[in-house]
Amino acid sequence: MNRRHGYLLVLGTARDPVGMDRYHNQLPPIYAEHKGYRLVVGSPGDGATFLDGGLDNLSMMLARFPSPECISDFWWSDEYRKAYIHRKDAGRFSAVGLPGLDQEPDPMPGRRGFLVAMATPASPGGWRRFADPVSYTHLRAHETDSYL
């Protein structure tokens, strides 16, 4: 059975640690209510390894939800809107909801890392070929836990 998870990616810079602490302290029950959880949290000097590009000053967070629709339910919930007030003026952030390309069963179970790449396609629909798992057959043959 294939099922598409939803992923929430947040990138940004924090300016007010007190406001961010207030925000973060309110999140665990909100994530739990919407069946989401954070997969990755990192920032410069705190676990993030920047490989290329000009975003090496950003903090990031990647969360997983049961479906893309759950991201909207989480984001627009009354509970999250109350927590968001503390983050709103504590820094500058961009958030993106993404549909997963998940496969069941997991073709690579076990430990893994995440590579997040950001780019702009040259034409509308330019990413469609990457959504086809067959396009990645040659890439998957070279993937290992230590590489990811």
C-alpha atoms as a PDB file:
ATOM      1  CA  MET A   1       0.000   0.000   0.000  1.00  0.00           C
ATOM      2  CA  ASN A   2       1.357   3.415  -0.942  1.00  0.00           C
ATOM      3  CA  ARG A   3       0.578   6.319   1.284  1.00  0.00           C
ATOM      4  CA  ARG A   4       1.825   9.850   0.956  1.00  0.00           C
ATOM      5  CA  HIS A   5       3.017  11.524   4.094  1.00  0.00           C
ATOM      6  CA  GLY A   6       3.235  15.283   4.383  1.00  0.00           C
ATOM      7  CA  TYR A   7       6.460  17.083   5.236  1.00  0.00           C
ATOM      8  CA  LEU A   8       6.771  20.536   6.760  1.00  0.00           C
ATOM      9  CA  LEU A   9      10.069  22.302   6.081  1.00  0.00           C
ATOM     10  CA  VAL A  10      10.858  25.511   7.969  1.00  0.00           C
ATOM     11  CA  LEU A  11      13.964  27.601   7.252  1.00  0.00           C
ATOM     12  CA  GLY A  12      14.875  30.848   8.935  1.00  0.00           C
ATOM     13  CA  THR A  13      16.868  32.903  11.362  1.00  0.00           C
ATOM     14  CA  ALA A  14      15.917  33.586  14.978  1.00  0.00           C
ATOM     15  CA  ARG A  15      16.557  36.982  16.573  1.00  0.00           C
ATOM     16  CA  ASP A  16      14.768  36.555  19.914  1.00  0.00           C
ATOM     17  CA  PRO A  17      15.742  33.424  21.881  1.00  0.00           C
ATOM     18  CA  VAL A  18      13.140  34.097  24.600  1.00  0.00           C
ATOM     19  CA  GLY A  19      10.313  34.292  22.060  1.00  0.00           C
ATOM     20  CA  MET A  20      11.576  31.157  20.323  1.00  0.00           C
ATOM     21  CA  ASP A  21      11.695  29.281  23.653  1.00  0.00           C
ATOM     22  CA  ARG A  22       8.072  30.268  24.340  1.00  0.00           C
ATOM     23  CA  TYR A  23       7.136  29.046  20.870  1.00  0.00           C
ATOM     24  CA  HIS A  24       9.043  25.742  21.111  1.00  0.00           C
ATOM     25  CA  ASN A  25       7.645  24.967  24.569  1.00  0.00           C
ATOM     26  CA  GLN A  26       4.101  25.019  23.190  1.00  0.00           C
ATOM     27  CA  LEU A  27       4.739  22.761  20.180  1.00  0.00           C
ATOM     28  CA  PRO A  28       4.926  19.148  21.494  1.00  0.00           C
ATOM     29  CA  PRO A  29       1.214  18.739  22.308  1.00  0.00           C
ATOM     30  CA  ILE A  30       0.217  20.490  19.066  1.00  0.00           C
ATOM     31  CA  TYR A  31       2.361  18.122  16.995  1.00  0.00           C
ATOM     32  CA  ALA A  32       0.952  15.164  18.936  1.00  0.00           C
ATOM     33  CA  GLU A  33      -2.639  16.280  18.374  1.00  0.00           C
ATOM     34  CA  HIS A  34      -2.025  16.378  14.600  1.00  0.00           C
ATOM     35  CA  LYS A  35       0.062  13.157  14.583  1.00  0.00           C
ATOM     36  CA  GLY A  36       3.151  14.997  13.384  1.00  0.00           C
ATOM     37  CA  TYR A  37       6.692  14.851  14.657  1.00  0.00           C
ATOM     38  CA  ARG A  38       9.952  16.603  13.998  1.00  0.00           C
ATOM     39  CA  LEU A  39      12.464  14.537  12.057  1.00  0.00           C
ATOM     40  CA  VAL A  40      15.302  17.041  11.855  1.00  0.00           C
ATOM     41  CA  VAL A  41      16.246  20.225  13.675  1.00  0.00           C
ATOM     42  CA  GLY A  42      19.553  21.918  12.937  1.00  0.00           C
ATOM     43  CA  SER A  43      21.360  25.189  12.606  1.00  0.00           C
ATOM     44  CA  PRO A  44      24.876  26.432  11.897  1.00  0.00           C
ATOM     45  CA  GLY A  45      27.167  24.927  14.527  1.00  0.00           C
ATOM     46  CA  ASP A  46      24.364  22.722  15.845  1.00  0.00           C
ATOM     47  CA  GLY A  47      24.256  19.652  13.639  1.00  0.00           C
ATOM     48  CA  ALA A  48      23.580  21.179  10.208  1.00  0.00           C
ATOM     49  CA  THR A  49      26.160  20.510   7.494  1.00  0.00           C
ATOM     50  CA  PHE A  50      25.844  23.001   4.644  1.00  0.00           C
ATOM     51  CA  LEU A  51      27.207  21.566   1.435  1.00  0.00           C
ATOM     52  CA  ASP A  52      26.493  24.251  -1.149  1.00  0.00           C
ATOM     53  CA  GLY A  53      24.690  27.524  -1.702  1.00  0.00           C
ATOM     54  CA  GLY A  54      24.174  30.678   0.291  1.00  0.00           C
ATOM     55  CA  LEU A  55      21.805  29.469   3.005  1.00  0.00           C
ATOM     56  CA  ASP A  56      24.496  28.567   5.544  1.00  0.00           C
ATOM     57  CA  ASN A  57      23.135  31.007   8.133  1.00  0.00           C
ATOM     58  CA  LEU A  58      19.682  29.398   8.403  1.00  0.00           C
ATOM     59  CA  SER A  59      18.188  27.163  11.031  1.00  0.00           C
ATOM     60  CA  MET A  60      15.948  24.410   9.735  1.00  0.00           C
ATOM     61  CA  MET A  61      13.317  21.968  10.852  1.00  0.00           C
ATOM     62  CA  LEU A  62      11.735  19.088   8.963  1.00  0.00           C
ATOM     63  CA  ALA A  63       8.573  17.459  10.326  1.00  0.00           C
ATOM     64  CA  ARG A  64       6.532  14.510   9.096  1.00  0.00           C
ATOM     65  CA  PHE A  65       2.748  14.225   9.167  1.00  0.00           C
ATOM     66  CA  PRO A  66       0.415  11.361   8.163  1.00  0.00           C
ATOM     67  CA  SER A  67      -0.709  13.283   5.050  1.00  0.00           C
ATOM     68  CA  PRO A  68      -0.206  16.639   3.315  1.00  0.00           C
ATOM     69  CA  GLU A  69      -3.671  17.685   4.554  1.00  0.00           C
ATOM     70  CA  CYS A  70      -2.538  17.196   8.162  1.00  0.00           C
ATOM     71  CA  ILE A  71       0.037  19.952   7.667  1.00  0.00           C
ATOM     72  CA  SER A  72      -2.712  22.491   6.939  1.00  0.00           C
ATOM     73  CA  ASP A  73      -4.759  21.203   9.862  1.00  0.00           C
ATOM     74  CA  PHE A  74      -1.720  21.688  12.119  1.00  0.00           C
ATOM     75  CA  TRP A  75      -0.713  25.082  10.671  1.00  0.00           C
ATOM     76  CA  TRP A  76      -4.156  26.662  10.863  1.00  0.00           C
ATOM     77  CA  SER A  77      -5.244  25.120  14.167  1.00  0.00           C
ATOM     78  CA  ASP A  78      -6.180  27.510  16.968  1.00  0.00           C
ATOM     79  CA  GLU A  79      -3.463  25.976  19.160  1.00  0.00           C
ATOM     80  CA  TYR A  80      -0.717  26.537  16.588  1.00  0.00           C
ATOM     81  CA  ARG A  81      -1.920  30.067  15.825  1.00  0.00           C
ATOM     82  CA  LYS A  82      -1.515  30.896  19.542  1.00  0.00           C
ATOM     83  CA  ALA A  83       2.031  29.485  19.577  1.00  0.00           C
ATOM     84  CA  TYR A  84       2.854  31.184  16.255  1.00  0.00           C
ATOM     85  CA  ILE A  85       2.426  34.618  17.854  1.00  0.00           C
ATOM     86  CA  HIS A  86       5.674  34.010  19.778  1.00  0.00           C
ATOM     87  CA  ARG A  87       7.598  32.979  16.651  1.00  0.00           C
ATOM     88  CA  LYS A  88       6.177  35.692  14.409  1.00  0.00           C
ATOM     89  CA  ASP A  89       8.339  38.504  15.780  1.00  0.00           C
ATOM     90  CA  ALA A  90      11.197  36.331  17.055  1.00  0.00           C
ATOM     91  CA  GLY A  91      12.843  35.916  13.651  1.00  0.00           C
ATOM     92  CA  ARG A  92      12.314  35.524   9.961  1.00  0.00           C
ATOM     93  CA  PHE A  93      11.108  32.142   8.705  1.00  0.00           C
ATOM     94  CA  SER A  94       9.749  30.471   5.605  1.00  0.00           C
ATOM     95  CA  ALA A  95       7.576  27.361   5.857  1.00  0.00           C
ATOM     96  CA  VAL A  96       6.730  24.929   3.069  1.00  0.00           C
ATOM     97  CA  GLY A  97       4.353  21.969   3.104  1.00  0.00           C
ATOM     98  CA  LEU A  98       5.431  19.132   0.810  1.00  0.00           C
ATOM     99  CA  PRO A  99       3.744  15.905  -0.259  1.00  0.00           C
ATOM    100  CA  GLY A 100       5.964  12.899   0.374  1.00  0.00           C
ATOM    101  CA  LEU A 101       7.199  10.453  -2.223  1.00  0.00           C
ATOM    102  CA  ASP A 102       7.070   7.727   0.404  1.00  0.00           C
ATOM    103  CA  GLN A 103       7.113   4.075  -0.475  1.00  0.00           C
ATOM    104  CA  GLU A 104       5.738   1.194   1.554  1.00  0.00           C
ATOM    105  CA  PRO A 105       7.557  -0.845   2.636  1.00  0.00           C
ATOM    106  CA  ASP A 106      10.456   1.539   3.238  1.00  0.00           C
ATOM    107  CA  PRO A 107      13.130   0.675   0.641  1.00  0.00           C
ATOM    108  CA  MET A 108      15.899   1.905   2.971  1.00  0.00           C
ATOM    109  CA  PRO A 109      14.965   1.076   6.578  1.00  0.00           C
ATOM    110  CA  GLY A 110      17.189   2.127   9.445  1.00  0.00           C
ATOM    111  CA  ARG A 111      19.224   5.214  10.216  1.00  0.00           C
ATOM    112  CA  ARG A 112      19.406   7.948   7.659  1.00  0.00           C
ATOM    113  CA  GLY A 113      20.105  11.599   7.139  1.00  0.00           C
ATOM    114  CA  PHE A 114      18.210  14.118   5.065  1.00  0.00           C
ATOM    115  CA  LEU A 115      19.485  16.162   2.164  1.00  0.00           C
ATOM    116  CA  VAL A 116      17.378  19.254   1.523  1.00  0.00           C
ATOM    117  CA  ALA A 117      18.036  21.059  -1.740  1.00  0.00           C
ATOM    118  CA  MET A 118      16.274  24.243  -2.805  1.00  0.00           C
ATOM    119  CA  ALA A 119      16.039  25.459  -6.368  1.00  0.00           C
ATOM    120  CA  THR A 120      13.676  27.030  -8.854  1.00  0.00           C
ATOM    121  CA  PRO A 121      12.630  24.991 -11.912  1.00  0.00           C
ATOM    122  CA  ALA A 122      13.234  26.697 -15.251  1.00  0.00           C
ATOM    123  CA  SER A 123       9.681  25.971 -16.412  1.00  0.00           C
ATOM    124  CA  PRO A 124       6.297  25.198 -14.829  1.00  0.00           C
ATOM    125  CA  GLY A 125       6.081  21.502 -14.050  1.00  0.00           C
ATOM    126  CA  GLY A 126       9.863  21.193 -14.267  1.00  0.00           C
ATOM    127  CA  TRP A 127       9.971  18.941 -11.210  1.00  0.00           C
ATOM    128  CA  ARG A 128       7.482  16.355 -12.484  1.00  0.00           C
ATOM    129  CA  ARG A 129      10.132  13.941 -13.716  1.00  0.00           C
ATOM    130  CA  PHE A 130      11.617  13.769 -10.211  1.00  0.00           C
ATOM    131  CA  ALA A 131       8.287  12.615  -8.770  1.00  0.00           C
ATOM    132  CA  ASP A 132       8.573   9.346 -10.715  1.00  0.00           C
ATOM    133  CA  PRO A 133      10.429   6.746  -8.584  1.00  0.00           C
ATOM    134  CA  VAL A 134      11.691   5.070 -11.779  1.00  0.00           C
ATOM    135  CA  SER A 135      13.731   8.220 -12.509  1.00  0.00           C
ATOM    136  CA  TYR A 136      15.632   7.594  -9.288  1.00  0.00           C
ATOM    137  CA  THR A 137      16.536   3.958  -9.947  1.00  0.00           C
ATOM    138  CA  HIS A 138      20.101   4.846 -10.870  1.00  0.00           C
ATOM    139  CA  LEU A 139      20.443   7.100  -7.810  1.00  0.00           C
ATOM    140  CA  ARG A 140      19.066   4.534  -5.350  1.00  0.00           C
ATOM    141  CA  ALA A 141      21.628   2.000  -6.506  1.00  0.00           C
ATOM    142  CA  HIS A 142      24.381   4.255  -5.091  1.00  0.00           C
ATOM    143  CA  GLU A 143      22.685   5.285  -1.822  1.00  0.00           C
ATOM    144  CA  THR A 144      23.950   3.932   1.484  1.00  0.00           C
ATOM    145  CA  ASP A 145      23.273   4.835   5.099  1.00  0.00           C
ATOM    146  CA  SER A 146      26.652   6.530   5.424  1.00  0.00           C
ATOM    147  CA  TYR A 147      26.096   8.581   2.278  1.00  0.00           C
ATOM    148  CA  LEU A 148      22.693   9.872   3.346  1.00  0.00           C
END
